[in-house]
PDB file of N, CA and C in Angstrom:
ATOM      1  N   MET A   1       4.003  41.696   4.877  1.00  0.00           N
ATOM      2  CA  MET A   1       2.687  41.183   5.163  1.00  0.00           C
ATOM      3  C   MET A   1       2.206  40.356   3.971  1.00  0.00           C
ATOM      4  N   HIS A   2       1.688  39.184   4.245  1.00  0.00           N
ATOM      5  CA  HIS A   2       1.193  38.286   3.206  1.00  0.00           C
ATOM      6  C   HIS A   2      -0.328  38.210   3.286  1.00  0.00           C
ATOM      7  N   LEU A   3      -0.981  38.528   2.185  1.00  0.00           N
ATOM      8  CA  LEU A   3      -2.437  38.464   2.126  1.00  0.00           C
ATOM      9  C   LEU A   3      -2.860  37.169   1.462  1.00  0.00           C
ATOM     10  N   THR A   4      -3.887  36.547   1.997  1.00  0.00           N
ATOM     11  CA  THR A   4      -4.441  35.346   1.399  1.00  0.00           C
ATOM     12  C   THR A   4      -5.768  35.715   0.751  1.00  0.00           C
ATOM     13  N   LEU A   5      -5.892  35.405  -0.511  1.00  0.00           N
ATOM     14  CA  LEU A   5      -7.117  35.699  -1.236  1.00  0.00           C
ATOM     15  C   LEU A   5      -7.965  34.428  -1.271  1.00  0.00           C
ATOM     16  N   THR A   6      -9.110  34.462  -0.611  1.00  0.00           N
ATOM     17  CA  THR A   6     -10.008  33.304  -0.575  1.00  0.00           C
ATOM     18  C   THR A   6     -10.755  33.177  -1.893  1.00  0.00           C
ATOM     19  N   ALA A   7     -11.388  32.037  -2.074  1.00  0.00           N
ATOM     20  CA  ALA A   7     -12.208  31.828  -3.270  1.00  0.00           C
ATOM     21  C   ALA A   7     -13.317  32.870  -3.343  1.00  0.00           C
ATOM     22  N   GLU A   8     -13.923  33.178  -2.202  1.00  0.00           N
ATOM     23  CA  GLU A   8     -14.988  34.184  -2.164  1.00  0.00           C
ATOM     24  C   GLU A   8     -14.458  35.561  -2.551  1.00  0.00           C
ATOM     25  N   GLY A   9     -13.299  35.909  -1.983  1.00  0.00           N
ATOM     26  CA  GLY A   9     -12.682  37.202  -2.288  1.00  0.00           C
ATOM     27  C   GLY A   9     -12.295  37.316  -3.746  1.00  0.00           C
ATOM     28  N   LEU A  10     -11.793  36.226  -4.301  1.00  0.00           N
ATOM     29  CA  LEU A  10     -11.396  36.233  -5.706  1.00  0.00           C
ATOM     30  C   LEU A  10     -12.605  36.407  -6.618  1.00  0.00           C
ATOM     31  N   LEU A  11     -13.701  35.753  -6.284  1.00  0.00           N
ATOM     32  CA  LEU A  11     -14.922  35.929  -7.078  1.00  0.00           C
ATOM     33  C   LEU A  11     -15.344  37.390  -7.091  1.00  0.00           C
ATOM     34  N   THR A  12     -15.297  38.019  -5.937  1.00  0.00           N
ATOM     35  CA  THR A  12     -15.652  39.436  -5.835  1.00  0.00           C
ATOM     36  C   THR A  12     -14.700  40.286  -6.664  1.00  0.00           C
ATOM     37  N   GLN A  13     -13.405  40.034  -6.543  1.00  0.00           N
ATOM     38  CA  GLN A  13     -12.404  40.809  -7.272  1.00  0.00           C
ATOM     39  C   GLN A  13     -12.576  40.682  -8.790  1.00  0.00           C
ATOM     40  N   LEU A  14     -13.016  39.525  -9.245  1.00  0.00           N
ATOM     41  CA  LEU A  14     -13.176  39.296 -10.684  1.00  0.00           C
ATOM     42  C   LEU A  14     -14.584  39.624 -11.185  1.00  0.00           C
ATOM     43  N   GLY A  15     -15.457  40.077 -10.293  1.00  0.00           N
ATOM     44  CA  GLY A  15     -16.781  40.542 -10.703  1.00  0.00           C
ATOM     45  C   GLY A  15     -17.843  39.466 -10.830  1.00  0.00           C
ATOM     46  N   TYR A  16     -17.627  38.316 -10.218  1.00  0.00           N
ATOM     47  CA  TYR A  16     -18.616  37.235 -10.281  1.00  0.00           C
ATOM     48  C   TYR A  16     -19.642  37.376  -9.161  1.00  0.00           C
ATOM     49  N   THR A  17     -20.858  36.959  -9.434  1.00  0.00           N
ATOM     50  CA  THR A  17     -21.891  36.841  -8.414  1.00  0.00           C
ATOM     51  C   THR A  17     -21.649  35.525  -7.688  1.00  0.00           C
ATOM     52  N   GLN A  18     -21.672  35.573  -6.376  1.00  0.00           N
ATOM     53  CA  GLN A  18     -21.395  34.368  -5.604  1.00  0.00           C
ATOM     54  C   GLN A  18     -22.639  33.504  -5.471  1.00  0.00           C
ATOM     55  N   THR A  19     -22.614  32.391  -6.164  1.00  0.00           N
ATOM     56  CA  THR A  19     -23.639  31.369  -6.031  1.00  0.00           C
ATOM     57  C   THR A  19     -22.922  30.106  -5.561  1.00  0.00           C
ATOM     58  N   PRO A  20     -23.639  29.146  -5.008  1.00  0.00           N
ATOM     59  CA  PRO A  20     -22.969  27.908  -4.575  1.00  0.00           C
ATOM     60  C   PRO A  20     -22.199  27.226  -5.709  1.00  0.00           C
ATOM     61  N   GLN A  21     -22.770  27.212  -6.899  1.00  0.00           N
ATOM     62  CA  GLN A  21     -22.116  26.561  -8.040  1.00  0.00           C
ATOM     63  C   GLN A  21     -20.840  27.298  -8.441  1.00  0.00           C
ATOM     64  N   VAL A  22     -20.896  28.610  -8.523  1.00  0.00           N
ATOM     65  CA  VAL A  22     -19.724  29.400  -8.915  1.00  0.00           C
ATOM     66  C   VAL A  22     -18.649  29.305  -7.839  1.00  0.00           C
ATOM     67  N   LEU A  23     -19.043  29.345  -6.587  1.00  0.00           N
ATOM     68  CA  LEU A  23     -18.086  29.224  -5.490  1.00  0.00           C
ATOM     69  C   LEU A  23     -17.413  27.861  -5.512  1.00  0.00           C
ATOM     70  N   SER A  24     -18.173  26.823  -5.775  1.00  0.00           N
ATOM     71  CA  SER A  24     -17.619  25.475  -5.870  1.00  0.00           C
ATOM     72  C   SER A  24     -16.607  25.388  -7.014  1.00  0.00           C
ATOM     73  N   GLN A  25     -16.942  25.983  -8.152  1.00  0.00           N
ATOM     74  CA  GLN A  25     -16.033  25.979  -9.297  1.00  0.00           C
ATOM     75  C   GLN A  25     -14.747  26.720  -8.953  1.00  0.00           C
ATOM     76  N   MET A  26     -14.841  27.873  -8.277  1.00  0.00           N
ATOM     77  CA  MET A  26     -13.649  28.631  -7.919  1.00  0.00           C
ATOM     78  C   MET A  26     -12.789  27.846  -6.931  1.00  0.00           C
ATOM     79  N   LYS A  27     -13.409  27.160  -5.995  1.00  0.00           N
ATOM     80  CA  LYS A  27     -12.646  26.353  -5.039  1.00  0.00           C
ATOM     81  C   LYS A  27     -11.891  25.242  -5.758  1.00  0.00           C
ATOM     82  N   GLU A  28     -12.511  24.628  -6.756  1.00  0.00           N
ATOM     83  CA  GLU A  28     -11.835  23.600  -7.558  1.00  0.00           C
ATOM     84  C   GLU A  28     -10.661  24.198  -8.320  1.00  0.00           C
ATOM     85  N   ILE A  29     -10.825  25.397  -8.838  1.00  0.00           N
ATOM     86  CA  ILE A  29      -9.737  26.077  -9.553  1.00  0.00           C
ATOM     87  C   ILE A  29      -8.573  26.341  -8.603  1.00  0.00           C
ATOM     88  N   VAL A  30      -8.873  26.844  -7.414  1.00  0.00           N
ATOM     89  CA  VAL A  30      -7.830  27.126  -6.424  1.00  0.00           C
ATOM     90  C   VAL A  30      -7.072  25.847  -6.087  1.00  0.00           C
ATOM     91  N   GLU A  31      -7.783  24.764  -5.849  1.00  0.00           N
ATOM     92  CA  GLU A  31      -7.155  23.485  -5.509  1.00  0.00           C
ATOM     93  C   GLU A  31      -6.343  22.918  -6.665  1.00  0.00           C
ATOM     94  N   ASN A  32      -6.773  23.161  -7.882  1.00  0.00           N
ATOM     95  CA  ASN A  32      -6.132  22.604  -9.066  1.00  0.00           C
ATOM     96  C   ASN A  32      -4.931  23.415  -9.552  1.00  0.00           C
ATOM     97  N   THR A  33      -4.806  24.650  -9.099  1.00  0.00           N
ATOM     98  CA  THR A  33      -3.752  25.540  -9.578  1.00  0.00           C
ATOM     99  C   THR A  33      -2.512  25.410  -8.698  1.00  0.00           C
ATOM    100  N   SER A  34      -1.408  25.050  -9.309  1.00  0.00           N
ATOM    101  CA  SER A  34      -0.157  24.832  -8.597  1.00  0.00           C
ATOM    102  C   SER A  34       0.315  26.094  -7.862  1.00  0.00           C
ATOM    103  N   ASN A  35       0.584  25.952  -6.565  1.00  0.00           N
ATOM    104  CA  ASN A  35       1.096  27.056  -5.734  1.00  0.00           C
ATOM    105  C   ASN A  35       0.230  28.306  -5.833  1.00  0.00           C
ATOM    106  N   PHE A  36      -1.072  28.111  -5.839  1.00  0.00           N
ATOM    107  CA  PHE A  36      -2.012  29.209  -6.022  1.00  0.00           C
ATOM    108  C   PHE A  36      -1.771  30.360  -5.050  1.00  0.00           C
ATOM    109  N   SER A  37      -1.490  30.043  -3.799  1.00  0.00           N
ATOM    110  CA  SER A  37      -1.334  31.086  -2.776  1.00  0.00           C
ATOM    111  C   SER A  37      -0.137  31.996  -3.031  1.00  0.00           C
ATOM    112  N   LYS A  38       0.845  31.523  -3.796  1.00  0.00           N
ATOM    113  CA  LYS A  38       2.020  32.357  -4.103  1.00  0.00           C
ATOM    114  C   LYS A  38       1.674  33.494  -5.060  1.00  0.00           C
ATOM    115  N   PHE A  39       0.677  33.293  -5.903  1.00  0.00           N
ATOM    116  CA  PHE A  39       0.328  34.294  -6.910  1.00  0.00           C
ATOM    117  C   PHE A  39      -1.000  34.988  -6.645  1.00  0.00           C
ATOM    118  N   SER A  40      -1.878  34.363  -5.897  1.00  0.00           N
ATOM    119  CA  SER A  40      -3.238  34.877  -5.748  1.00  0.00           C
ATOM    120  C   SER A  40      -3.336  36.332  -5.287  1.00  0.00           C
ATOM    121  N   PRO A  41      -2.452  36.834  -4.420  1.00  0.00           N
ATOM    122  CA  PRO A  41      -2.572  38.247  -4.037  1.00  0.00           C
ATOM    123  C   PRO A  41      -2.368  39.221  -5.203  1.00  0.00           C
ATOM    124  N   HIS A  42      -1.737  38.755  -6.283  1.00  0.00           N
ATOM    125  CA  HIS A  42      -1.447  39.606  -7.429  1.00  0.00           C
ATOM    126  C   HIS A  42      -2.521  39.555  -8.517  1.00  0.00           C
ATOM    127  N   ILE A  43      -3.470  38.641  -8.390  1.00  0.00           N
ATOM    128  CA  ILE A  43      -4.495  38.491  -9.421  1.00  0.00           C
ATOM    129  C   ILE A  43      -5.314  39.769  -9.626  1.00  0.00           C
ATOM    130  N   PRO A  44      -5.768  40.446  -8.573  1.00  0.00           N
ATOM    131  CA  PRO A  44      -6.539  41.677  -8.818  1.00  0.00           C
ATOM    132  C   PRO A  44      -5.751  42.744  -9.575  1.00  0.00           C
ATOM    133  N   SER A  45      -4.485  42.951  -9.247  1.00  0.00           N
ATOM    134  CA  SER A  45      -3.710  43.973  -9.957  1.00  0.00           C
ATOM    135  C   SER A  45      -3.396  43.525 -11.388  1.00  0.00           C
ATOM    136  N   PHE A  46      -3.184  42.240 -11.594  1.00  0.00           N
ATOM    137  CA  PHE A  46      -2.969  41.725 -12.948  1.00  0.00           C
ATOM    138  C   PHE A  46      -4.232  41.942 -13.778  1.00  0.00           C
ATOM    139  N   ASN A  47      -5.387  41.646 -13.204  1.00  0.00           N
ATOM    140  CA  ASN A  47      -6.647  41.840 -13.910  1.00  0.00           C
ATOM    141  C   ASN A  47      -6.853  43.317 -14.259  1.00  0.00           C
ATOM    142  N   ASP A  48      -6.530  44.205 -13.325  1.00  0.00           N
ATOM    143  CA  ASP A  48      -6.643  45.648 -13.592  1.00  0.00           C
ATOM    144  C   ASP A  48      -5.731  46.070 -14.738  1.00  0.00           C
ATOM    145  N   ALA A  49      -4.507  45.553 -14.754  1.00  0.00           N
ATOM    146  CA  ALA A  49      -3.571  45.883 -15.834  1.00  0.00           C
ATOM    147  C   ALA A  49      -4.080  45.363 -17.180  1.00  0.00           C
ATOM    148  N   LEU A  50      -4.703  44.200 -17.171  1.00  0.00           N
ATOM    149  CA  LEU A  50      -5.237  43.613 -18.406  1.00  0.00           C
ATOM    150  C   LEU A  50      -6.397  44.424 -18.975  1.00  0.00           C
ATOM    151  N   LYS A  51      -7.201  45.029 -18.118  1.00  0.00           N
ATOM    152  CA  LYS A  51      -8.374  45.792 -18.572  1.00  0.00           C
ATOM    153  C   LYS A  51      -7.993  46.909 -19.539  1.00  0.00           C
ATOM    154  N   VAL A  52      -6.825  47.486 -19.351  1.00  0.00           N
ATOM    155  CA  VAL A  52      -6.350  48.555 -20.240  1.00  0.00           C
ATOM    156  C   VAL A  52      -6.241  48.047 -21.677  1.00  0.00           C
ATOM    157  N   GLU A  53      -5.933  46.765 -21.831  1.00  0.00           N
ATOM    158  CA  GLU A  53      -5.763  46.162 -23.169  1.00  0.00           C
ATOM    159  C   GLU A  53      -6.995  45.373 -23.601  1.00  0.00           C
ATOM    160  N   LYS A  54      -8.150  45.659 -23.000  1.00  0.00           N
ATOM    161  CA  LYS A  54      -9.403  44.968 -23.312  1.00  0.00           C
ATOM    162  C   LYS A  54      -9.277  43.462 -23.061  1.00  0.00           C
ATOM    163  N   ALA A  55      -8.684  43.130 -21.931  1.00  0.00           N
ATOM    164  CA  ALA A  55      -8.482  41.739 -21.542  1.00  0.00           C
ATOM    165  C   ALA A  55      -8.877  41.578 -20.078  1.00  0.00           C
ATOM    166  N   TYR A  56      -8.918  40.338 -19.615  1.00  0.00           N
ATOM    167  CA  TYR A  56      -9.367  40.078 -18.255  1.00  0.00           C
ATOM    168  C   TYR A  56      -8.989  38.668 -17.828  1.00  0.00           C
ATOM    169  N   ILE A  57      -9.137  38.419 -16.523  1.00  0.00           N
ATOM    170  CA  ILE A  57      -8.973  37.083 -15.959  1.00  0.00           C
ATOM    171  C   ILE A  57     -10.372  36.571 -15.627  1.00  0.00           C
ATOM    172  N   ALA A  58     -10.636  35.324 -15.978  1.00  0.00           N
ATOM    173  CA  ALA A  58     -11.953  34.726 -15.746  1.00  0.00           C
ATOM    174  C   ALA A  58     -11.795  33.244 -15.432  1.00  0.00           C
ATOM    175  N   MET A  59     -12.874  32.644 -14.989  1.00  0.00           N
ATOM    176  CA  MET A  59     -12.884  31.201 -14.783  1.00  0.00           C
ATOM    177  C   MET A  59     -13.116  30.522 -16.132  1.00  0.00           C
ATOM    178  N   SER A  60     -12.384  29.454 -16.369  1.00  0.00           N
ATOM    179  CA  SER A  60     -12.599  28.677 -17.581  1.00  0.00           C
ATOM    180  C   SER A  60     -13.825  27.798 -17.409  1.00  0.00           C
ATOM    181  N   ASN A  61     -14.595  27.650 -18.469  1.00  0.00           N
ATOM    182  CA  ASN A  61     -15.751  26.749 -18.446  1.00  0.00           C
ATOM    183  C   ASN A  61     -15.367  25.313 -18.775  1.00  0.00           C
ATOM    184  N   SER A  62     -14.198  25.135 -19.391  1.00  0.00           N
ATOM    185  CA  SER A  62     -13.820  23.804 -19.846  1.00  0.00           C
ATOM    186  C   SER A  62     -12.681  23.172 -19.047  1.00  0.00           C
ATOM    187  N   HIS A  63     -11.958  23.966 -18.251  1.00  0.00           N
ATOM    188  CA  HIS A  63     -10.847  23.459 -17.446  1.00  0.00           C
ATOM    189  C   HIS A  63     -10.933  24.063 -16.044  1.00  0.00           C
ATOM    190  N   ASN A  64     -10.367  23.384 -15.063  1.00  0.00           N
ATOM    191  CA  ASN A  64     -10.357  23.912 -13.700  1.00  0.00           C
ATOM    192  C   ASN A  64      -9.172  24.851 -13.492  1.00  0.00           C
ATOM    193  N   TYR A  65      -9.140  25.906 -14.286  1.00  0.00           N
ATOM    194  CA  TYR A  65      -8.106  26.929 -14.198  1.00  0.00           C
ATOM    195  C   TYR A  65      -8.733  28.294 -14.451  1.00  0.00           C
ATOM    196  N   LEU A  66      -8.008  29.308 -14.020  1.00  0.00           N
ATOM    197  CA  LEU A  66      -8.354  30.653 -14.453  1.00  0.00           C
ATOM    198  C   LEU A  66      -7.813  30.822 -15.859  1.00  0.00           C
ATOM    199  N   LYS A  67      -8.443  31.679 -16.618  1.00  0.00           N
ATOM    200  CA  LYS A  67      -7.930  31.965 -17.956  1.00  0.00           C
ATOM    201  C   LYS A  67      -7.683  33.461 -18.080  1.00  0.00           C
ATOM    202  N   ILE A  68      -6.702  33.786 -18.885  1.00  0.00           N
ATOM    203  CA  ILE A  68      -6.361  35.165 -19.216  1.00  0.00           C
ATOM    204  C   ILE A  68      -6.816  35.330 -20.654  1.00  0.00           C
ATOM    205  N   LYS A  69      -7.752  36.236 -20.880  1.00  0.00           N
ATOM    206  CA  LYS A  69      -8.387  36.312 -22.198  1.00  0.00           C
ATOM    207  C   LYS A  69      -8.436  37.748 -22.695  1.00  0.00           C
ATOM    208  N   CYS A  70      -8.208  37.902 -23.985  1.00  0.00           N
ATOM    209  CA  CYS A  70      -8.316  39.193 -24.655  1.00  0.00           C
ATOM    210  C   CYS A  70      -9.558  39.154 -25.534  1.00  0.00           C
ATOM    211  N   ASP A  71     -10.333  40.226 -25.531  1.00  0.00           N
ATOM    212  CA  ASP A  71     -11.539  40.282 -26.355  1.00  0.00           C
ATOM    213  C   ASP A  71     -11.212  39.985 -27.809  1.00  0.00           C
ATOM    214  N   GLU A  72     -12.097  39.284 -28.477  1.00  0.00           N
ATOM    215  CA  GLU A  72     -11.887  38.878 -29.868  1.00  0.00           C
ATOM    216  C   GLU A  72     -11.818  40.071 -30.825  1.00  0.00           C
ATOM    217  N   ASP A  73     -12.494  41.158 -30.501  1.00  0.00           N
ATOM    218  CA  ASP A  73     -12.517  42.312 -31.400  1.00  0.00           C
ATOM    219  C   ASP A  73     -11.390  43.315 -31.130  1.00  0.00           C
ATOM    220  N   THR A  74     -10.365  42.900 -30.401  1.00  0.00           N
ATOM    221  CA  THR A  74      -9.250  43.774 -30.051  1.00  0.00           C
ATOM    222  C   THR A  74      -8.398  44.059 -31.279  1.00  0.00           C
ATOM    223  N   ASN A  75      -7.966  45.326 -31.411  1.00  0.00           N
ATOM    224  CA  ASN A  75      -7.130  45.680 -32.562  1.00  0.00           C
ATOM    225  C   ASN A  75      -5.698  45.182 -32.366  1.00  0.00           C
ATOM    226  N   ALA A  76      -4.894  45.259 -33.419  1.00  0.00           N
ATOM    227  CA  ALA A  76      -3.550  44.694 -33.425  1.00  0.00           C
ATOM    228  C   ALA A  76      -2.644  45.309 -32.358  1.00  0.00           C
ATOM    229  N   SER A  77      -2.735  46.613 -32.132  1.00  0.00           N
ATOM    230  CA  SER A  77      -1.855  47.227 -31.137  1.00  0.00           C
ATOM    231  C   SER A  77      -2.230  46.780 -29.725  1.00  0.00           C
ATOM    232  N   ASN A  78      -3.529  46.663 -29.440  1.00  0.00           N
ATOM    233  CA  ASN A  78      -3.943  46.154 -28.132  1.00  0.00           C
ATOM    234  C   ASN A  78      -3.545  44.686 -27.962  1.00  0.00           C
ATOM    235  N   LEU A  79      -3.658  43.916 -29.022  1.00  0.00           N
ATOM    236  CA  LEU A  79      -3.313  42.508 -28.958  1.00  0.00           C
ATOM    237  C   LEU A  79      -1.822  42.332 -28.684  1.00  0.00           C
ATOM    238  N   SER A  80      -1.004  43.121 -29.330  1.00  0.00           N
ATOM    239  CA  SER A  80       0.437  43.076 -29.094  1.00  0.00           C
ATOM    240  C   SER A  80       0.757  43.481 -27.658  1.00  0.00           C
ATOM    241  N   ALA A  81       0.127  44.537 -27.173  1.00  0.00           N
ATOM    242  CA  ALA A  81       0.332  44.991 -25.793  1.00  0.00           C
ATOM    243  C   ALA A  81      -0.158  43.930 -24.811  1.00  0.00           C
ATOM    244  N   PHE A  82      -1.259  43.265 -25.136  1.00  0.00           N
ATOM    245  CA  PHE A  82      -1.780  42.182 -24.299  1.00  0.00           C
ATOM    246  C   PHE A  82      -0.751  41.073 -24.160  1.00  0.00           C
ATOM    247  N   ARG A  83      -0.202  40.637 -25.275  1.00  0.00           N
ATOM    248  CA  ARG A  83       0.796  39.558 -25.248  1.00  0.00           C
ATOM    249  C   ARG A  83       2.032  39.966 -24.460  1.00  0.00           C
ATOM    250  N   GLU A  84       2.479  41.207 -24.639  1.00  0.00           N
ATOM    251  CA  GLU A  84       3.633  41.700 -23.879  1.00  0.00           C
ATOM    252  C   GLU A  84       3.336  41.716 -22.385  1.00  0.00           C
ATOM    253  N   LEU A  85       2.138  42.139 -22.028  1.00  0.00           N
ATOM    254  CA  LEU A  85       1.743  42.192 -20.619  1.00  0.00           C
ATOM    255  C   LEU A  85       1.704  40.791 -20.011  1.00  0.00           C
ATOM    256  N   VAL A  86       1.124  39.844 -20.713  1.00  0.00           N
ATOM    257  CA  VAL A  86       1.071  38.461 -20.228  1.00  0.00           C
ATOM    258  C   VAL A  86       2.495  37.922 -20.064  1.00  0.00           C
ATOM    259  N   ASN A  87       3.361  38.169 -21.047  1.00  0.00           N
ATOM    260  CA  ASN A  87       4.751  37.699 -20.962  1.00  0.00           C
ATOM    261  C   ASN A  87       5.481  38.335 -19.786  1.00  0.00           C
ATOM    262  N   HIS A  88       5.238  39.623 -19.553  1.00  0.00           N
ATOM    263  CA  HIS A  88       5.873  40.325 -18.435  1.00  0.00           C
ATOM    264  C   HIS A  88       5.456  39.700 -17.103  1.00  0.00           C
ATOM    265  N   TRP A  89       4.159  39.496 -16.913  1.00  0.00           N
ATOM    266  CA  TRP A  89       3.671  38.921 -15.659  1.00  0.00           C
ATOM    267  C   TRP A  89       4.122  37.463 -15.527  1.00  0.00           C
ATOM    268  N   GLU A  90       4.171  36.749 -16.619  1.00  0.00           N
ATOM    269  CA  GLU A  90       4.622  35.353 -16.587  1.00  0.00           C
ATOM    270  C   GLU A  90       6.045  35.271 -16.037  1.00  0.00           C
ATOM    271  N   LYS A  91       6.918  36.149 -16.528  1.00  0.00           N
ATOM    272  CA  LYS A  91       8.316  36.143 -16.075  1.00  0.00           C
ATOM    273  C   LYS A  91       8.450  36.698 -14.660  1.00  0.00           C
ATOM    274  N   LYS A  92       7.778  37.800 -14.389  1.00  0.00           N
ATOM    275  CA  LYS A  92       7.898  38.464 -13.087  1.00  0.00           C
ATOM    276  C   LYS A  92       7.468  37.553 -11.942  1.00  0.00           C
ATOM    277  N   TYR A  93       6.364  36.834 -12.106  1.00  0.00           N
ATOM    278  CA  TYR A  93       5.823  36.001 -11.038  1.00  0.00           C
ATOM    279  C   TYR A  93       6.040  34.510 -11.270  1.00  0.00           C
ATOM    280  N   LYS A  94       6.860  34.173 -12.279  1.00  0.00           N
ATOM    281  CA  LYS A  94       7.198  32.780 -12.583  1.00  0.00           C
ATOM    282  C   LYS A  94       5.948  31.927 -12.773  1.00  0.00           C
ATOM    283  N   LEU A  95       5.023  32.467 -13.570  1.00  0.00           N
ATOM    284  CA  LEU A  95       3.763  31.788 -13.829  1.00  0.00           C
ATOM    285  C   LEU A  95       3.951  30.646 -14.817  1.00  0.00           C
ATOM    286  N   ASN A  96       3.170  29.641 -14.656  1.00  0.00           N
ATOM    287  CA  ASN A  96       3.101  28.556 -15.613  1.00  0.00           C
ATOM    288  C   ASN A  96       1.782  28.752 -16.360  1.00  0.00           C
ATOM    289  N   ILE A  97       1.873  29.188 -17.613  1.00  0.00           N
ATOM    290  CA  ILE A  97       0.669  29.430 -18.409  1.00  0.00           C
ATOM    291  C   ILE A  97       0.711  28.581 -19.674  1.00  0.00           C
ATOM    292  N   GLU A  98      -0.460  28.354 -20.226  1.00  0.00           N
ATOM    293  CA  GLU A  98      -0.580  27.565 -21.449  1.00  0.00           C
ATOM    294  C   GLU A  98      -1.444  28.321 -22.441  1.00  0.00           C
ATOM    295  N   LYS A  99      -0.902  28.576 -23.631  1.00  0.00           N
ATOM    296  CA  LYS A  99      -1.635  29.295 -24.675  1.00  0.00           C
ATOM    297  C   LYS A  99      -2.644  28.359 -25.316  1.00  0.00           C
ATOM    298  N   VAL A 100      -3.837  28.863 -25.521  1.00  0.00           N
ATOM    299  CA  VAL A 100      -4.867  28.111 -26.241  1.00  0.00           C
ATOM    300  C   VAL A 100      -4.644  28.354 -27.732  1.00  0.00           C
ATOM    301  N   GLU A 101      -4.519  27.281 -28.466  1.00  0.00           N
ATOM    302  CA  GLU A 101      -4.214  27.380 -29.894  1.00  0.00           C
ATOM    303  C   GLU A 101      -5.268  28.197 -30.643  1.00  0.00           C
ATOM    304  N   LYS A 102      -4.803  29.122 -31.463  1.00  0.00           N
ATOM    305  CA  LYS A 102      -5.623  29.960 -32.340  1.00  0.00           C
ATOM    306  C   LYS A 102      -6.570  30.902 -31.593  1.00  0.00           C
ATOM    307  N   LYS A 103      -6.270  31.180 -30.315  1.00  0.00           N
ATOM    308  CA  LYS A 103      -7.098  32.105 -29.536  1.00  0.00           C
ATOM    309  C   LYS A 103      -6.197  33.027 -28.733  1.00  0.00           C
ATOM    310  N   ASN A 104      -6.757  34.156 -28.347  1.00  0.00           N
ATOM    311  CA  ASN A 104      -6.032  35.092 -27.502  1.00  0.00           C
ATOM    312  C   ASN A 104      -6.347  34.789 -26.043  1.00  0.00           C
ATOM    313  N   THR A 105      -6.073  33.540 -25.663  1.00  0.00           N
ATOM    314  CA  THR A 105      -6.409  33.042 -24.342  1.00  0.00           C
ATOM    315  C   THR A 105      -5.257  32.193 -23.818  1.00  0.00           C
ATOM    316  N   TYR A 106      -5.031  32.311 -22.498  1.00  0.00           N
ATOM    317  CA  TYR A 106      -4.026  31.514 -21.810  1.00  0.00           C
ATOM    318  C   TYR A 106      -4.667  30.942 -20.559  1.00  0.00           C
ATOM    319  N   TYR A 107      -4.294  29.711 -20.209  1.00  0.00           N
ATOM    320  CA  TYR A 107      -4.713  29.130 -18.935  1.00  0.00           C
ATOM    321  C   TYR A 107      -3.626  29.414 -17.910  1.00  0.00           C
ATOM    322  N   LEU A 108      -4.022  29.830 -16.728  1.00  0.00           N
ATOM    323  CA  LEU A 108      -3.095  30.075 -15.626  1.00  0.00           C
ATOM    324  C   LEU A 108      -3.005  28.791 -14.809  1.00  0.00           C
ATOM    325  N   LEU A 109      -1.950  28.010 -15.068  1.00  0.00           N
ATOM    326  CA  LEU A 109      -1.804  26.690 -14.471  1.00  0.00           C
ATOM    327  C   LEU A 109      -1.204  26.736 -13.076  1.00  0.00           C
ATOM    328  N   GLY A 110      -0.517  27.823 -12.761  1.00  0.00           N
ATOM    329  CA  GLY A 110       0.064  27.939 -11.430  1.00  0.00           C
ATOM    330  C   GLY A 110       1.356  28.722 -11.462  1.00  0.00           C
ATOM    331  N   VAL A 111       2.134  28.530 -10.405  1.00  0.00           N
ATOM    332  CA  VAL A 111       3.413  29.204 -10.251  1.00  0.00           C
ATOM    333  C   VAL A 111       4.489  28.127 -10.174  1.00  0.00           C
ATOM    334  N   ASN A 112       5.572  28.358 -10.896  1.00  0.00           N
ATOM    335  CA  ASN A 112       6.680  27.404 -10.891  1.00  0.00           C
ATOM    336  C   ASN A 112       7.361  27.358  -9.544  1.00  0.00           C
TER     337      ASN A 112
END
């Protein structure tokens, strides 16, 4: 069975309040993300796994992509676990991600 996660559903899963502006931004992210439907059903479980390491998936304010971000005050062991988790999901789901220089943030560009 294949589940399709709509922009509205994704906003709910990520904890956003649905406003016309936020919904429009999420729709742009969905359209801009390569092969979004191949990975979108896994976003809620990926976000749940990230929470353990004080990290989360959110909408980027500067790019039309989702971002994977670790809190700035995270300790070294959580940061290492965060990076391992991102690398694991990147390989498992063939994600195309881009690291933001000097930050604990990655853009989720799509699926290869």
